[in-house]
């Protein structure tokens, strides 16, 4: 039996699993209804048509969520122009530290790329 089941393998689900592993939890299941990245297909992108509203969207579903198809911006900038105003809930210092932590965690899984 699993200690934790995480539903959704977007950035929040991935980071939840990583944090649990850091706490010593090893019996985790991470599930997502989407396909793996290499098997995703979007008619709109491939055929240059309007969105056909697929039952399970290959852009937003699957490991990494929509971020798997983007330029990698899954963090929020401190100006609030992307993702809202987190500084309404935590201090700017905490926000900057959190963004740095997320960036460093993502980079730790990269193949040597930089920001």
Protein backbone atom coordinates (compact mmCIF):
# COMPACT_ATOMS: atom_id res chain seq x y z
CA UNK A 1 0.00 0.00 0.00
CA UNK A 2 1.20 3.51 -0.81
CA UNK A 3 1.98 6.02 1.89
CA UNK A 4 0.96 8.81 -0.50
CA UNK A 5 -0.91 9.00 -3.77
CA UNK A 6 -0.48 12.28 -5.63
CA UNK A 7 -3.04 13.04 -8.32
CA UNK A 8 -1.65 15.27 -11.03
CA UNK A 9 1.90 15.27 -12.36
CA UNK A 10 2.11 18.97 -13.10
CA UNK A 11 4.64 21.16 -11.30
CA UNK A 12 2.75 21.03 -7.97
CA UNK A 13 2.48 17.24 -8.01
CA UNK A 14 6.11 16.80 -9.03
CA UNK A 15 7.33 19.13 -6.27
CA UNK A 16 5.05 17.44 -3.74
CA UNK A 17 6.66 14.09 -4.57
CA UNK A 18 10.16 15.58 -4.40
CA UNK A 19 9.49 17.11 -0.99
CA UNK A 20 8.12 13.81 0.33
CA UNK A 21 11.21 11.96 -0.90
CA UNK A 22 13.40 14.55 0.86
CA UNK A 23 11.49 13.72 4.06
CA UNK A 24 12.32 10.03 3.63
CA UNK A 25 9.01 8.85 2.17
CA UNK A 26 9.66 6.22 -0.49
CA UNK A 27 6.26 4.65 -1.12
CA UNK A 28 4.67 7.28 -3.37
CA UNK A 29 2.47 6.94 -6.42
CA UNK A 30 2.23 9.92 -8.78
CA UNK A 31 -0.60 9.60 -11.30
CA UNK A 32 -1.79 11.74 -14.18
CA UNK A 33 -4.37 11.06 -16.85
CA UNK A 34 -2.19 12.50 -19.59
CA UNK A 35 0.26 10.75 -21.87
CA UNK A 36 4.03 10.89 -21.58
CA UNK A 37 5.55 13.88 -23.34
CA UNK A 38 6.82 11.98 -26.38
CA UNK A 39 3.33 10.59 -27.08
CA UNK A 40 1.38 13.85 -26.84
CA UNK A 41 -0.36 15.18 -29.92
CA UNK A 42 -2.28 18.41 -30.42
CA UNK A 43 -4.43 18.72 -33.56
CA UNK A 44 -4.41 22.51 -33.22
CA UNK A 45 -0.62 22.68 -33.26
CA UNK A 46 -0.13 20.01 -35.91
CA UNK A 47 -2.85 21.15 -38.31
CA UNK A 48 -2.95 24.88 -37.52
CA UNK A 49 -6.67 24.78 -36.66
CA UNK A 50 -8.86 25.98 -33.80
CA UNK A 51 -8.85 23.95 -30.58
CA UNK A 52 -11.00 20.84 -30.97
CA UNK A 53 -11.48 20.43 -27.19
CA UNK A 54 -10.01 16.95 -26.83
CA UNK A 55 -11.42 14.91 -23.93
CA UNK A 56 -7.96 14.88 -22.33
CA UNK A 57 -5.86 17.79 -23.53
CA UNK A 58 -2.36 16.68 -24.48
CA UNK A 59 -1.06 20.20 -23.85
CA UNK A 60 -2.13 20.49 -20.22
CA UNK A 61 -2.26 16.83 -19.14
CA UNK A 62 0.67 14.52 -18.51
CA UNK A 63 3.96 14.71 -16.63
CA UNK A 64 5.04 18.33 -16.34
CA UNK A 65 1.61 19.66 -17.28
CA UNK A 66 1.53 22.50 -19.78
CA UNK A 67 5.07 23.41 -18.72
CA UNK A 68 6.36 20.42 -20.65
CA UNK A 69 5.35 22.26 -23.86
CA UNK A 70 6.51 25.71 -22.83
CA UNK A 71 9.80 27.50 -22.51
CA UNK A 72 10.03 26.34 -18.91
CA UNK A 73 8.50 29.28 -17.03
CA UNK A 74 6.83 27.50 -14.14
CA UNK A 75 7.97 29.99 -11.56
CA UNK A 76 6.48 33.38 -10.86
CA UNK A 77 8.43 36.58 -11.11
CA UNK A 78 8.41 38.94 -8.13
CA UNK A 79 6.73 41.73 -10.12
CA UNK A 80 3.44 39.82 -10.18
CA UNK A 81 3.19 39.95 -13.96
CA UNK A 82 3.19 36.15 -14.15
CA UNK A 83 1.09 34.04 -11.81
CA UNK A 84 -0.49 36.68 -9.60
CA UNK A 85 0.56 38.50 -6.47
CA UNK A 86 2.06 35.92 -4.13
CA UNK A 87 3.53 38.78 -2.12
CA UNK A 88 0.00 39.37 -0.81
CA UNK A 89 0.42 36.10 1.10
CA UNK A 90 4.14 35.89 1.93
CA UNK A 91 6.92 38.44 2.30
CA UNK A 92 9.02 39.47 -0.69
CA UNK A 93 12.04 37.87 1.01
CA UNK A 94 10.19 34.55 1.39
CA UNK A 95 8.94 34.82 -2.19
CA UNK A 96 12.42 35.43 -3.58
CA UNK A 97 13.79 32.50 -1.56
CA UNK A 98 10.98 30.24 -2.79
CA UNK A 99 11.56 31.20 -6.43
CA UNK A 100 15.29 30.56 -6.04
CA UNK A 101 14.58 27.18 -4.41
CA UNK A 102 12.27 26.15 -7.27
CA UNK A 103 14.75 27.34 -9.89
CA UNK A 104 17.64 25.47 -8.26
CA UNK A 105 15.55 22.31 -7.92
CA UNK A 106 14.62 22.40 -11.60
CA UNK A 107 18.23 23.07 -12.60
CA UNK A 108 19.39 20.11 -10.50
CA UNK A 109 17.54 17.85 -12.93
CA UNK A 110 18.84 19.55 -16.06
CA UNK A 111 21.56 18.23 -18.30
CA UNK A 112 23.89 21.12 -17.63
CA UNK A 113 21.76 23.88 -19.07
CA UNK A 114 21.67 27.29 -17.49
CA UNK A 115 18.98 29.87 -16.89
